[in-house]
Amino acid sequence: MKLTIIPTDGSVGENGVFYNGLDLSSCNIPADVHALQWQDTAGWIEYDITIPNETITELPAWANCCMTKWTEANNPPVVPPTAAQNKTFASQKLYETDWTTIPDVGDPTKSNPYLSNVQDFVTYRNTIRQYAINPIAGVINWPSIPQTIWTTV
């Protein structure tokens, strides 16, 4: 792992992915630290110009704290969908399966091949339609679209 920390900029970079402007104030970084450079198993701490660099073979606790801040920035919290977003999703799924409601599609006297599992689509669409009509916010465990089963006469 390659790690760079520049406290004055709030910059933390891990393996070339940098986040700037991070709030590192809770990491207890010594005031005289200018930067930390780390490559796999060793690195150094760069101090202000009056103190020579310090070679390190173990990351200090404050560097681990900075890495936690980097991880938080790299994995922002997932925002659950709004009711409007869920309604839009449900409407799209209904639109994509509208063709299954055409009477001829499931009628073996009018189509060859015909959709032999029309009832699976009716059940699916009824579940989806409830969210289109009465949308709710949050993560929904959406049903899977049925697989089409075509049968020949």
C-alpha atoms as a PDB file:
ATOM      1  CA  MET A   1       0.000   0.000   0.000  1.00  0.00           C
ATOM      2  CA  LYS A   2       1.188   3.481  -0.817  1.00  0.00           C
ATOM      3  CA  LEU A   3       0.014   6.202   1.557  1.00  0.00           C
ATOM      4  CA  THR A   4       0.514   9.954   1.564  1.00  0.00           C
ATOM      5  CA  ILE A   5      -0.827  12.269   4.260  1.00  0.00           C
ATOM      6  CA  ILE A   6      -0.497  16.056   4.140  1.00  0.00           C
ATOM      7  CA  PRO A   7      -2.224  17.372   7.275  1.00  0.00           C
ATOM      8  CA  THR A   8      -2.261  21.093   6.389  1.00  0.00           C
ATOM      9  CA  ASP A   9      -4.280  20.333   3.228  1.00  0.00           C
ATOM     10  CA  GLY A  10      -6.414  17.640   4.822  1.00  0.00           C
ATOM     11  CA  SER A  11      -5.073  15.385   2.058  1.00  0.00           C
ATOM     12  CA  VAL A  12      -4.923  11.629   2.319  1.00  0.00           C
ATOM     13  CA  GLY A  13      -3.987   9.458  -0.635  1.00  0.00           C
ATOM     14  CA  GLU A  14      -4.021   5.703  -0.706  1.00  0.00           C
ATOM     15  CA  ASN A  15      -2.699   3.870  -3.771  1.00  0.00           C
ATOM     16  CA  GLY A  16      -3.071   6.996  -5.891  1.00  0.00           C
ATOM     17  CA  VAL A  17      -6.646   7.860  -4.833  1.00  0.00           C
ATOM     18  CA  PHE A  18      -6.584  11.209  -3.019  1.00  0.00           C
ATOM     19  CA  TYR A  19      -9.169  13.067  -0.980  1.00  0.00           C
ATOM     20  CA  ASN A  20      -8.449  16.667  -0.078  1.00  0.00           C
ATOM     21  CA  GLY A  21     -10.025  18.867   2.545  1.00  0.00           C
ATOM     22  CA  LEU A  22     -10.683  16.015   4.961  1.00  0.00           C
ATOM     23  CA  ASP A  23     -11.244  16.992   8.576  1.00  0.00           C
ATOM     24  CA  LEU A  24      -8.235  15.408  10.266  1.00  0.00           C
ATOM     25  CA  SER A  25      -8.552  17.442  13.471  1.00  0.00           C
ATOM     26  CA  SER A  26      -9.620  14.417  15.538  1.00  0.00           C
ATOM     27  CA  CYS A  27      -6.549  12.393  14.471  1.00  0.00           C
ATOM     28  CA  ASN A  28      -4.142  14.086  16.916  1.00  0.00           C
ATOM     29  CA  ILE A  29      -1.467  14.722  14.291  1.00  0.00           C
ATOM     30  CA  PRO A  30       1.586  16.380  15.867  1.00  0.00           C
ATOM     31  CA  ALA A  31       1.699  20.065  14.926  1.00  0.00           C
ATOM     32  CA  ASP A  32       5.205  19.860  13.435  1.00  0.00           C
ATOM     33  CA  VAL A  33       4.305  17.130  10.889  1.00  0.00           C
ATOM     34  CA  HIS A  34       4.349  18.306   7.286  1.00  0.00           C
ATOM     35  CA  ALA A  35       3.630  14.947   5.604  1.00  0.00           C
ATOM     36  CA  LEU A  36       3.805  11.198   5.878  1.00  0.00           C
ATOM     37  CA  GLN A  37       4.972   8.956   3.032  1.00  0.00           C
ATOM     38  CA  TRP A  38       4.512   5.190   3.224  1.00  0.00           C
ATOM     39  CA  GLN A  39       5.253   2.369   0.763  1.00  0.00           C
ATOM     40  CA  ASP A  40       4.221  -1.179   1.732  1.00  0.00           C
ATOM     41  CA  THR A  41       6.298  -1.798   4.889  1.00  0.00           C
ATOM     42  CA  ALA A  42       8.214   1.400   5.557  1.00  0.00           C
ATOM     43  CA  GLY A  43       8.160   5.138   5.063  1.00  0.00           C
ATOM     44  CA  TRP A  44       9.024   8.442   6.631  1.00  0.00           C
ATOM     45  CA  ILE A  45       7.507  11.406   8.362  1.00  0.00           C
ATOM     46  CA  GLU A  46       8.433  14.806   6.999  1.00  0.00           C
ATOM     47  CA  TYR A  47       8.555  17.484   9.663  1.00  0.00           C
ATOM     48  CA  ASP A  48       8.817  21.229   9.265  1.00  0.00           C
ATOM     49  CA  ILE A  49      12.171  22.474   7.968  1.00  0.00           C
ATOM     50  CA  THR A  50      13.856  22.553  11.396  1.00  0.00           C
ATOM     51  CA  ILE A  51      13.461  18.817  12.112  1.00  0.00           C
ATOM     52  CA  PRO A  52      14.952  16.045   9.906  1.00  0.00           C
ATOM     53  CA  ASN A  53      12.705  13.377   8.371  1.00  0.00           C
ATOM     54  CA  GLU A  54      12.029  10.320  10.531  1.00  0.00           C
ATOM     55  CA  THR A  55      12.168   6.842   8.988  1.00  0.00           C
ATOM     56  CA  ILE A  56       9.326   4.606  10.207  1.00  0.00           C
ATOM     57  CA  THR A  57       8.524   0.915   9.908  1.00  0.00           C
ATOM     58  CA  GLU A  58       5.142   1.170  11.590  1.00  0.00           C
ATOM     59  CA  LEU A  59       2.336   3.629  10.973  1.00  0.00           C
ATOM     60  CA  PRO A  60       1.609   5.904  13.923  1.00  0.00           C
ATOM     61  CA  ALA A  61      -1.885   5.853  15.413  1.00  0.00           C
ATOM     62  CA  TRP A  62      -2.673   9.261  13.889  1.00  0.00           C
ATOM     63  CA  ALA A  63      -1.915   7.874  10.400  1.00  0.00           C
ATOM     64  CA  ASN A  64      -4.358   5.018  10.968  1.00  0.00           C
ATOM     65  CA  CYS A  65      -6.946   7.620  11.974  1.00  0.00           C
ATOM     66  CA  CYS A  66      -6.252   9.479   8.701  1.00  0.00           C
ATOM     67  CA  MET A  67      -6.720   6.235   6.794  1.00  0.00           C
ATOM     68  CA  THR A  68     -10.111   5.844   8.462  1.00  0.00           C
ATOM     69  CA  LYS A  69     -11.051   9.339   7.252  1.00  0.00           C
ATOM     70  CA  TRP A  70      -9.937   8.333   3.743  1.00  0.00           C
ATOM     71  CA  THR A  71     -12.085   5.172   3.919  1.00  0.00           C
ATOM     72  CA  GLU A  72     -15.114   7.214   4.999  1.00  0.00           C
ATOM     73  CA  ALA A  73     -14.594   9.595   2.072  1.00  0.00           C
ATOM     74  CA  ASN A  74     -14.090   6.676  -0.325  1.00  0.00           C
ATOM     75  CA  ASN A  75     -17.269   4.924   0.863  1.00  0.00           C
ATOM     76  CA  PRO A  76     -19.913   7.594   1.315  1.00  0.00           C
ATOM     77  CA  PRO A  77     -23.095   6.500   3.083  1.00  0.00           C
ATOM     78  CA  VAL A  78     -25.793   5.058   0.861  1.00  0.00           C
ATOM     79  CA  VAL A  79     -28.797   7.340   0.671  1.00  0.00           C
ATOM     80  CA  PRO A  80     -32.030   5.341   0.464  1.00  0.00           C
ATOM     81  CA  PRO A  81     -34.259   6.131  -2.517  1.00  0.00           C
ATOM     82  CA  THR A  82     -37.074   8.638  -2.131  1.00  0.00           C
ATOM     83  CA  ALA A  83     -40.705   7.728  -2.729  1.00  0.00           C
ATOM     84  CA  ALA A  84     -40.528   9.576  -6.049  1.00  0.00           C
ATOM     85  CA  GLN A  85     -37.468   7.566  -7.123  1.00  0.00           C
ATOM     86  CA  ASN A  86     -39.183   4.295  -6.190  1.00  0.00           C
ATOM     87  CA  LYS A  87     -42.301   5.362  -8.118  1.00  0.00           C
ATOM     88  CA  THR A  88     -40.184   6.121 -11.180  1.00  0.00           C
ATOM     89  CA  PHE A  89     -38.454   2.738 -10.907  1.00  0.00           C
ATOM     90  CA  ALA A  90     -41.792   0.906 -10.542  1.00  0.00           C
ATOM     91  CA  SER A  91     -43.275   2.795 -13.490  1.00  0.00           C
ATOM     92  CA  GLN A  92     -40.271   1.840 -15.636  1.00  0.00           C
ATOM     93  CA  LYS A  93     -40.633  -1.838 -14.709  1.00  0.00           C
ATOM     94  CA  LEU A  94     -44.334  -1.725 -15.614  1.00  0.00           C
ATOM     95  CA  TYR A  95     -43.492  -0.060 -18.923  1.00  0.00           C
ATOM     96  CA  GLU A  96     -40.912  -2.756 -19.701  1.00  0.00           C
ATOM     97  CA  THR A  97     -43.504  -5.517 -19.201  1.00  0.00           C
ATOM     98  CA  ASP A  98     -46.530  -3.814 -20.786  1.00  0.00           C
ATOM     99  CA  TRP A  99     -46.247  -6.150 -23.777  1.00  0.00           C
ATOM    100  CA  THR A 100     -47.254  -9.087 -21.560  1.00  0.00           C
ATOM    101  CA  THR A 101     -50.730  -7.579 -21.133  1.00  0.00           C
ATOM    102  CA  ILE A 102     -51.608  -7.803 -24.828  1.00  0.00           C
ATOM    103  CA  PRO A 103     -54.302 -10.517 -24.951  1.00  0.00           C
ATOM    104  CA  ASP A 104     -52.882 -12.279 -28.021  1.00  0.00           C
ATOM    105  CA  VAL A 105     -49.470 -12.823 -26.379  1.00  0.00           C
ATOM    106  CA  GLY A 106     -50.751 -15.518 -24.029  1.00  0.00           C
ATOM    107  CA  ASP A 107     -53.460 -16.983 -26.247  1.00  0.00           C
ATOM    108  CA  PRO A 108     -52.382 -20.196 -28.017  1.00  0.00           C
ATOM    109  CA  THR A 109     -55.235 -19.807 -30.518  1.00  0.00           C
ATOM    110  CA  LYS A 110     -53.854 -16.439 -31.652  1.00  0.00           C
ATOM    111  CA  SER A 111     -50.075 -16.687 -31.177  1.00  0.00           C
ATOM    112  CA  ASN A 112     -47.599 -19.384 -31.976  1.00  0.00           C
ATOM    113  CA  PRO A 113     -45.453 -19.431 -29.962  1.00  0.00           C
ATOM    114  CA  TYR A 114     -47.418 -17.982 -27.041  1.00  0.00           C
ATOM    115  CA  LEU A 115     -46.346 -16.762 -23.597  1.00  0.00           C
ATOM    116  CA  SER A 116     -47.356 -19.668 -21.386  1.00  0.00           C
ATOM    117  CA  ASN A 117     -46.542 -18.007 -18.062  1.00  0.00           C
ATOM    118  CA  VAL A 118     -48.663 -14.886 -18.414  1.00  0.00           C
ATOM    119  CA  GLN A 119     -49.917 -15.374 -14.846  1.00  0.00           C
ATOM    120  CA  ASP A 120     -46.352 -14.978 -13.525  1.00  0.00           C
ATOM    121  CA  PHE A 121     -46.223 -11.557 -15.189  1.00  0.00           C
ATOM    122  CA  VAL A 122     -49.663 -10.638 -13.819  1.00  0.00           C
ATOM    123  CA  THR A 123     -48.446 -11.419 -10.287  1.00  0.00           C
ATOM    124  CA  TYR A 124     -45.194  -9.530 -10.842  1.00  0.00           C
ATOM    125  CA  ARG A 125     -46.949  -6.483 -12.295  1.00  0.00           C
ATOM    126  CA  ASN A 126     -49.518  -6.404  -9.470  1.00  0.00           C
ATOM    127  CA  THR A 127     -46.693  -6.249  -6.906  1.00  0.00           C
ATOM    128  CA  ILE A 128     -44.823  -3.555  -8.840  1.00  0.00           C
ATOM    129  CA  ARG A 129     -48.007  -1.561  -9.480  1.00  0.00           C
ATOM    130  CA  GLN A 130     -48.581  -1.159  -5.726  1.00  0.00           C
ATOM    131  CA  TYR A 131     -45.345   0.828  -5.509  1.00  0.00           C
ATOM    132  CA  ALA A 132     -46.242   2.890  -8.565  1.00  0.00           C
ATOM    133  CA  ILE A 133     -49.646   3.778  -7.096  1.00  0.00           C
ATOM    134  CA  ASN A 134     -48.598   4.160  -3.443  1.00  0.00           C
ATOM    135  CA  PRO A 135     -44.856   4.871  -3.503  1.00  0.00           C
ATOM    136  CA  ILE A 136     -42.824   4.618  -0.335  1.00  0.00           C
ATOM    137  CA  ALA A 137     -39.350   5.876   0.490  1.00  0.00           C
ATOM    138  CA  GLY A 138     -36.541   3.515   1.364  1.00  0.00           C
ATOM    139  CA  VAL A 139     -34.943   0.371   0.066  1.00  0.00           C
ATOM    140  CA  ILE A 140     -37.481  -1.998  -1.471  1.00  0.00           C
ATOM    141  CA  ASN A 141     -36.891  -5.692  -2.019  1.00  0.00           C
ATOM    142  CA  TRP A 142     -38.099  -5.594  -5.623  1.00  0.00           C
ATOM    143  CA  PRO A 143     -39.383  -8.858  -7.084  1.00  0.00           C
ATOM    144  CA  SER A 144     -37.444 -10.367  -9.956  1.00  0.00           C
ATOM    145  CA  ILE A 145     -38.996 -10.137 -13.374  1.00  0.00           C
ATOM    146  CA  PRO A 146     -40.286 -13.546 -14.461  1.00  0.00           C
ATOM    147  CA  GLN A 147     -38.437 -15.353 -17.189  1.00  0.00           C
ATOM    148  CA  THR A 148     -40.442 -15.597 -20.386  1.00  0.00           C
ATOM    149  CA  ILE A 149     -41.602 -19.103 -21.215  1.00  0.00           C
ATOM    150  CA  TRP A 150     -42.630 -19.458 -24.837  1.00  0.00           C
ATOM    151  CA  THR A 151     -44.582 -22.536 -25.879  1.00  0.00           C
ATOM    152  CA  THR A 152     -45.411 -23.644 -29.387  1.00  0.00           C
ATOM    153  CA  VAL A 153     -48.698 -25.191 -30.378  1.00  0.00           C
END
